[in-house]
Amino acid sequence: MRALAALAATVFAVAACGPPPSGVVVGHEYDAPETKPKKVCSTTGTGAKKRTTCQNTSVYKPAEWELTLRAGDGTTEVDVSQAAYEACAEGETYPACTEGAS
């Protein structure tokens, strides 16, 4: 019975992934990298010996490239590499437009 349940879970997981997205490129979106300050605090001890220590740090978010694809009646957004973003012009078909892009 466990083997059957494991097989069913595997089949469901693979089916949920589905084929990679494809469609006609109808838009581009670029989010520049950014670094934001962040304060991190920790508390130790209890009662009169309770002590809170804070430290300033930063959080880095790398650049992101995204294509908007039209497939059928809807659109979907796909995260892509910088090379794919630059290789695919509006009106071209993704992922075919990425062939040869590194």
N, C-alpha and C. Protein backbone atom coordinates (compact mmCIF):
# COMPACT_ATOMS: atom_id res chain seq x y z
N MET A 1 0.83 -1.20 0.00
CA MET A 1 0.00 0.00 0.00
C MET A 1 0.87 1.26 0.00
N ARG A 2 1.97 1.22 0.79
CA ARG A 2 2.85 2.40 0.83
C ARG A 2 3.48 2.64 -0.54
N ALA A 3 3.84 1.56 -1.23
CA ALA A 3 4.46 1.70 -2.55
C ALA A 3 3.50 2.36 -3.52
N LEU A 4 2.22 2.00 -3.44
CA LEU A 4 1.21 2.60 -4.31
C LEU A 4 1.04 4.08 -4.00
N ALA A 5 1.03 4.42 -2.72
CA ALA A 5 0.90 5.83 -2.33
C ALA A 5 2.10 6.63 -2.79
N ALA A 6 3.29 6.05 -2.67
CA ALA A 6 4.51 6.74 -3.11
C ALA A 6 4.49 6.94 -4.62
N LEU A 7 4.04 5.92 -5.35
CA LEU A 7 3.95 6.03 -6.81
C LEU A 7 2.95 7.11 -7.20
N ALA A 8 1.80 7.14 -6.54
CA ALA A 8 0.78 8.15 -6.83
C ALA A 8 1.32 9.56 -6.55
N ALA A 9 2.04 9.73 -5.46
CA ALA A 9 2.61 11.03 -5.12
C ALA A 9 3.64 11.46 -6.16
N THR A 10 4.44 10.52 -6.64
CA THR A 10 5.44 10.83 -7.65
C THR A 10 4.78 11.24 -8.96
N VAL A 11 3.77 10.50 -9.38
CA VAL A 11 3.06 10.82 -10.61
C VAL A 11 2.42 12.19 -10.50
N PHE A 12 1.80 12.50 -9.37
CA PHE A 12 1.16 13.80 -9.17
C PHE A 12 2.20 14.91 -9.22
N ALA A 13 3.36 14.72 -8.59
CA ALA A 13 4.40 15.75 -8.56
C ALA A 13 4.93 16.02 -9.96
N VAL A 14 5.14 14.98 -10.74
CA VAL A 14 5.64 15.15 -12.11
C VAL A 14 4.58 15.83 -12.97
N ALA A 15 3.33 15.45 -12.84
CA ALA A 15 2.26 16.04 -13.63
C ALA A 15 2.05 17.50 -13.27
N ALA A 16 2.25 17.87 -12.00
CA ALA A 16 2.05 19.24 -11.56
C ALA A 16 3.08 20.17 -12.17
N CYS A 17 4.26 19.65 -12.48
CA CYS A 17 5.31 20.47 -13.07
C CYS A 17 4.91 20.90 -14.47
N GLY A 18 4.38 20.00 -15.24
CA GLY A 18 3.92 20.31 -16.59
C GLY A 18 5.06 20.70 -17.51
N PRO A 19 4.71 21.01 -18.74
CA PRO A 19 5.73 21.41 -19.71
C PRO A 19 6.24 22.81 -19.41
N PRO A 20 7.43 23.14 -19.89
CA PRO A 20 7.93 24.49 -19.66
C PRO A 20 7.03 25.50 -20.39
N PRO A 21 6.95 26.72 -19.89
CA PRO A 21 6.08 27.71 -20.51
C PRO A 21 6.57 28.06 -21.92
N SER A 22 5.62 28.37 -22.78
CA SER A 22 5.96 28.83 -24.13
C SER A 22 4.86 29.77 -24.59
N GLY A 23 5.21 30.62 -25.55
CA GLY A 23 4.24 31.56 -26.09
C GLY A 23 4.93 32.72 -26.77
N VAL A 24 4.12 33.66 -27.25
CA VAL A 24 4.64 34.84 -27.93
C VAL A 24 4.99 35.89 -26.88
N VAL A 25 6.18 36.46 -26.99
CA VAL A 25 6.63 37.49 -26.04
C VAL A 25 5.81 38.76 -26.28
N VAL A 26 5.12 39.23 -25.23
CA VAL A 26 4.33 40.47 -25.33
C VAL A 26 4.81 41.54 -24.37
N GLY A 27 5.82 41.23 -23.56
CA GLY A 27 6.34 42.24 -22.64
C GLY A 27 7.61 41.80 -21.96
N HIS A 28 8.34 42.79 -21.46
CA HIS A 28 9.59 42.57 -20.73
C HIS A 28 9.50 43.33 -19.41
N GLU A 29 10.10 42.77 -18.35
CA GLU A 29 10.19 43.50 -17.08
C GLU A 29 11.56 43.22 -16.47
N TYR A 30 12.21 44.29 -16.05
CA TYR A 30 13.53 44.18 -15.42
C TYR A 30 13.46 44.81 -14.04
N ASP A 31 13.88 44.08 -13.03
CA ASP A 31 13.98 44.61 -11.67
C ASP A 31 15.46 44.71 -11.34
N ALA A 32 15.92 45.95 -11.13
CA ALA A 32 17.34 46.19 -10.85
C ALA A 32 17.72 45.59 -9.50
N PRO A 33 18.99 45.24 -9.34
CA PRO A 33 19.43 44.74 -8.04
C PRO A 33 19.33 45.85 -7.00
N GLU A 34 19.13 45.45 -5.77
CA GLU A 34 19.06 46.45 -4.71
C GLU A 34 19.55 45.88 -3.39
N THR A 35 20.06 46.77 -2.58
CA THR A 35 20.50 46.41 -1.23
C THR A 35 19.70 47.26 -0.26
N LYS A 36 19.05 46.62 0.69
CA LYS A 36 18.24 47.34 1.67
C LYS A 36 18.81 47.12 3.06
N PRO A 37 18.82 48.19 3.87
CA PRO A 37 19.29 48.02 5.24
C PRO A 37 18.28 47.22 6.06
N LYS A 38 18.79 46.49 7.04
CA LYS A 38 17.92 45.70 7.91
C LYS A 38 18.54 45.66 9.30
N LYS A 39 17.71 45.80 10.30
CA LYS A 39 18.16 45.72 11.68
C LYS A 39 17.74 44.37 12.24
N VAL A 40 18.70 43.63 12.78
CA VAL A 40 18.43 42.31 13.34
C VAL A 40 18.70 42.37 14.84
N CYS A 41 17.70 41.99 15.62
CA CYS A 41 17.83 42.03 17.07
C CYS A 41 17.63 40.64 17.67
N SER A 42 18.35 40.38 18.75
CA SER A 42 18.15 39.12 19.48
C SER A 42 18.13 39.44 20.97
N THR A 43 17.36 38.67 21.68
CA THR A 43 17.20 38.86 23.12
C THR A 43 17.68 37.62 23.85
N THR A 44 18.46 37.84 24.90
CA THR A 44 18.93 36.73 25.74
C THR A 44 18.58 37.03 27.18
N GLY A 45 18.53 36.01 27.97
CA GLY A 45 18.25 36.17 29.40
C GLY A 45 16.78 36.41 29.68
N THR A 46 16.46 36.49 30.98
CA THR A 46 15.09 36.76 31.41
C THR A 46 15.12 37.72 32.58
N GLY A 47 13.98 38.32 32.83
CA GLY A 47 13.83 39.21 33.97
C GLY A 47 14.84 40.35 33.95
N ALA A 48 15.51 40.58 35.11
CA ALA A 48 16.48 41.67 35.23
C ALA A 48 17.71 41.43 34.36
N LYS A 49 17.96 40.18 33.97
CA LYS A 49 19.14 39.87 33.16
C LYS A 49 18.82 39.82 31.65
N LYS A 50 17.62 40.27 31.31
CA LYS A 50 17.22 40.28 29.90
C LYS A 50 18.03 41.35 29.17
N ARG A 51 18.57 40.96 28.01
CA ARG A 51 19.40 41.87 27.24
C ARG A 51 19.07 41.73 25.75
N THR A 52 18.84 42.84 25.10
CA THR A 52 18.57 42.85 23.67
C THR A 52 19.74 43.49 22.94
N THR A 53 20.22 42.80 21.94
CA THR A 53 21.33 43.29 21.13
C THR A 53 20.86 43.41 19.70
N CYS A 54 21.13 44.56 19.09
CA CYS A 54 20.73 44.78 17.69
C CYS A 54 21.96 45.04 16.84
N GLN A 55 21.88 44.62 15.61
CA GLN A 55 22.98 44.80 14.67
C GLN A 55 22.41 45.23 13.33
N ASN A 56 23.02 46.26 12.73
CA ASN A 56 22.61 46.70 11.40
C ASN A 56 23.29 45.82 10.36
N THR A 57 22.50 45.39 9.39
CA THR A 57 23.00 44.55 8.31
C THR A 57 22.30 44.98 7.03
N SER A 58 22.47 44.24 5.98
CA SER A 58 21.77 44.57 4.74
C SER A 58 21.30 43.29 4.06
N VAL A 59 20.30 43.45 3.22
CA VAL A 59 19.74 42.34 2.46
C VAL A 59 19.90 42.69 0.98
N TYR A 60 20.54 41.80 0.22
CA TYR A 60 20.78 42.02 -1.20
C TYR A 60 19.78 41.22 -2.02
N LYS A 61 19.13 41.89 -2.96
CA LYS A 61 18.22 41.23 -3.90
C LYS A 61 18.84 41.38 -5.30
N PRO A 62 19.21 40.27 -5.94
CA PRO A 62 19.85 40.36 -7.25
C PRO A 62 18.86 40.82 -8.33
N ALA A 63 19.39 41.21 -9.47
CA ALA A 63 18.56 41.63 -10.60
C ALA A 63 17.69 40.46 -11.06
N GLU A 64 16.52 40.80 -11.59
CA GLU A 64 15.61 39.78 -12.12
C GLU A 64 15.13 40.21 -13.49
N TRP A 65 15.05 39.25 -14.43
CA TRP A 65 14.58 39.49 -15.78
C TRP A 65 13.34 38.62 -15.99
N GLU A 66 12.33 39.20 -16.62
CA GLU A 66 11.06 38.48 -16.78
C GLU A 66 10.47 38.78 -18.15
N LEU A 67 9.91 37.76 -18.77
CA LEU A 67 9.18 37.91 -20.03
C LEU A 67 7.71 37.64 -19.78
N THR A 68 6.85 38.41 -20.43
CA THR A 68 5.41 38.14 -20.40
C THR A 68 5.06 37.45 -21.71
N LEU A 69 4.45 36.28 -21.59
CA LEU A 69 4.11 35.47 -22.76
C LEU A 69 2.61 35.38 -22.94
N ARG A 70 2.17 35.41 -24.19
CA ARG A 70 0.76 35.18 -24.49
C ARG A 70 0.65 33.78 -25.07
N ALA A 71 -0.20 32.98 -24.45
CA ALA A 71 -0.45 31.62 -24.92
C ALA A 71 -1.95 31.40 -24.84
N GLY A 72 -2.58 31.23 -25.97
CA GLY A 72 -4.03 31.07 -25.96
C GLY A 72 -4.69 32.40 -25.59
N ASP A 73 -5.64 32.35 -24.66
CA ASP A 73 -6.37 33.55 -24.26
C ASP A 73 -5.73 34.30 -23.11
N GLY A 74 -4.69 33.75 -22.51
CA GLY A 74 -4.11 34.37 -21.33
C GLY A 74 -2.65 34.74 -21.50
N THR A 75 -2.10 35.33 -20.44
CA THR A 75 -0.68 35.64 -20.41
C THR A 75 -0.07 35.03 -19.16
N THR A 76 1.23 34.83 -19.22
CA THR A 76 1.97 34.32 -18.07
C THR A 76 3.32 35.00 -18.03
N GLU A 77 3.86 35.14 -16.83
CA GLU A 77 5.17 35.75 -16.65
C GLU A 77 6.19 34.66 -16.34
N VAL A 78 7.36 34.76 -16.98
CA VAL A 78 8.39 33.75 -16.84
C VAL A 78 9.69 34.41 -16.45
N ASP A 79 10.31 33.95 -15.36
CA ASP A 79 11.64 34.42 -14.98
C ASP A 79 12.64 33.81 -15.94
N VAL A 80 13.53 34.64 -16.48
CA VAL A 80 14.52 34.16 -17.45
C VAL A 80 15.89 34.74 -17.11
N SER A 81 16.91 34.23 -17.78
CA SER A 81 18.26 34.76 -17.63
C SER A 81 18.36 36.10 -18.37
N GLN A 82 19.41 36.84 -18.07
CA GLN A 82 19.64 38.11 -18.77
C GLN A 82 19.80 37.86 -20.27
N ALA A 83 20.50 36.78 -20.63
CA ALA A 83 20.72 36.47 -22.04
C ALA A 83 19.40 36.20 -22.76
N ALA A 84 18.50 35.45 -22.15
CA ALA A 84 17.20 35.16 -22.75
C ALA A 84 16.37 36.44 -22.87
N TYR A 85 16.43 37.27 -21.84
CA TYR A 85 15.70 38.55 -21.82
C TYR A 85 16.14 39.41 -23.00
N GLU A 86 17.45 39.47 -23.22
CA GLU A 86 17.99 40.31 -24.29
C GLU A 86 17.77 39.69 -25.67
N ALA A 87 17.69 38.37 -25.76
CA ALA A 87 17.55 37.68 -27.04
C ALA A 87 16.13 37.70 -27.59
N CYS A 88 15.14 37.82 -26.72
CA CYS A 88 13.75 37.67 -27.14
C CYS A 88 13.05 39.03 -27.27
N ALA A 89 12.76 39.41 -28.51
CA ALA A 89 12.03 40.65 -28.77
C ALA A 89 10.53 40.37 -28.72
N GLU A 90 9.75 41.43 -28.51
CA GLU A 90 8.30 41.27 -28.54
C GLU A 90 7.89 40.76 -29.91
N GLY A 91 6.96 39.81 -29.92
CA GLY A 91 6.48 39.20 -31.15
C GLY A 91 7.18 37.88 -31.46
N GLU A 92 8.32 37.61 -30.82
CA GLU A 92 9.00 36.34 -31.04
C GLU A 92 8.41 35.27 -30.13
N THR A 93 8.67 34.02 -30.46
CA THR A 93 8.15 32.90 -29.67
C THR A 93 9.22 32.41 -28.70
N TYR A 94 8.81 32.32 -27.43
CA TYR A 94 9.68 31.80 -26.37
C TYR A 94 9.32 30.35 -26.16
N PRO A 95 10.22 29.42 -26.02
CA PRO A 95 11.66 29.57 -25.80
C PRO A 95 12.49 29.53 -27.08
N ALA A 96 11.88 29.42 -28.26
CA ALA A 96 12.65 29.33 -29.49
C ALA A 96 13.58 30.53 -29.67
N CYS A 97 13.16 31.70 -29.21
CA CYS A 97 13.99 32.91 -29.37
C CYS A 97 15.27 32.86 -28.54
N THR A 98 15.37 31.92 -27.61
CA THR A 98 16.56 31.83 -26.76
C THR A 98 17.65 30.94 -27.36
N GLU A 99 17.34 30.24 -28.44
CA GLU A 99 18.33 29.35 -29.04
C GLU A 99 19.55 30.15 -29.47
N GLY A 100 20.70 29.74 -29.00
CA GLY A 100 21.94 30.46 -29.30
C GLY A 100 22.28 31.52 -28.27
N ALA A 101 21.34 31.84 -27.37
CA ALA A 101 21.62 32.81 -26.30
C ALA A 101 22.31 32.09 -25.17
N SER A 102 23.33 32.69 -24.61
CA SER A 102 24.05 32.06 -23.50
C SER A 102 23.80 32.79 -22.23
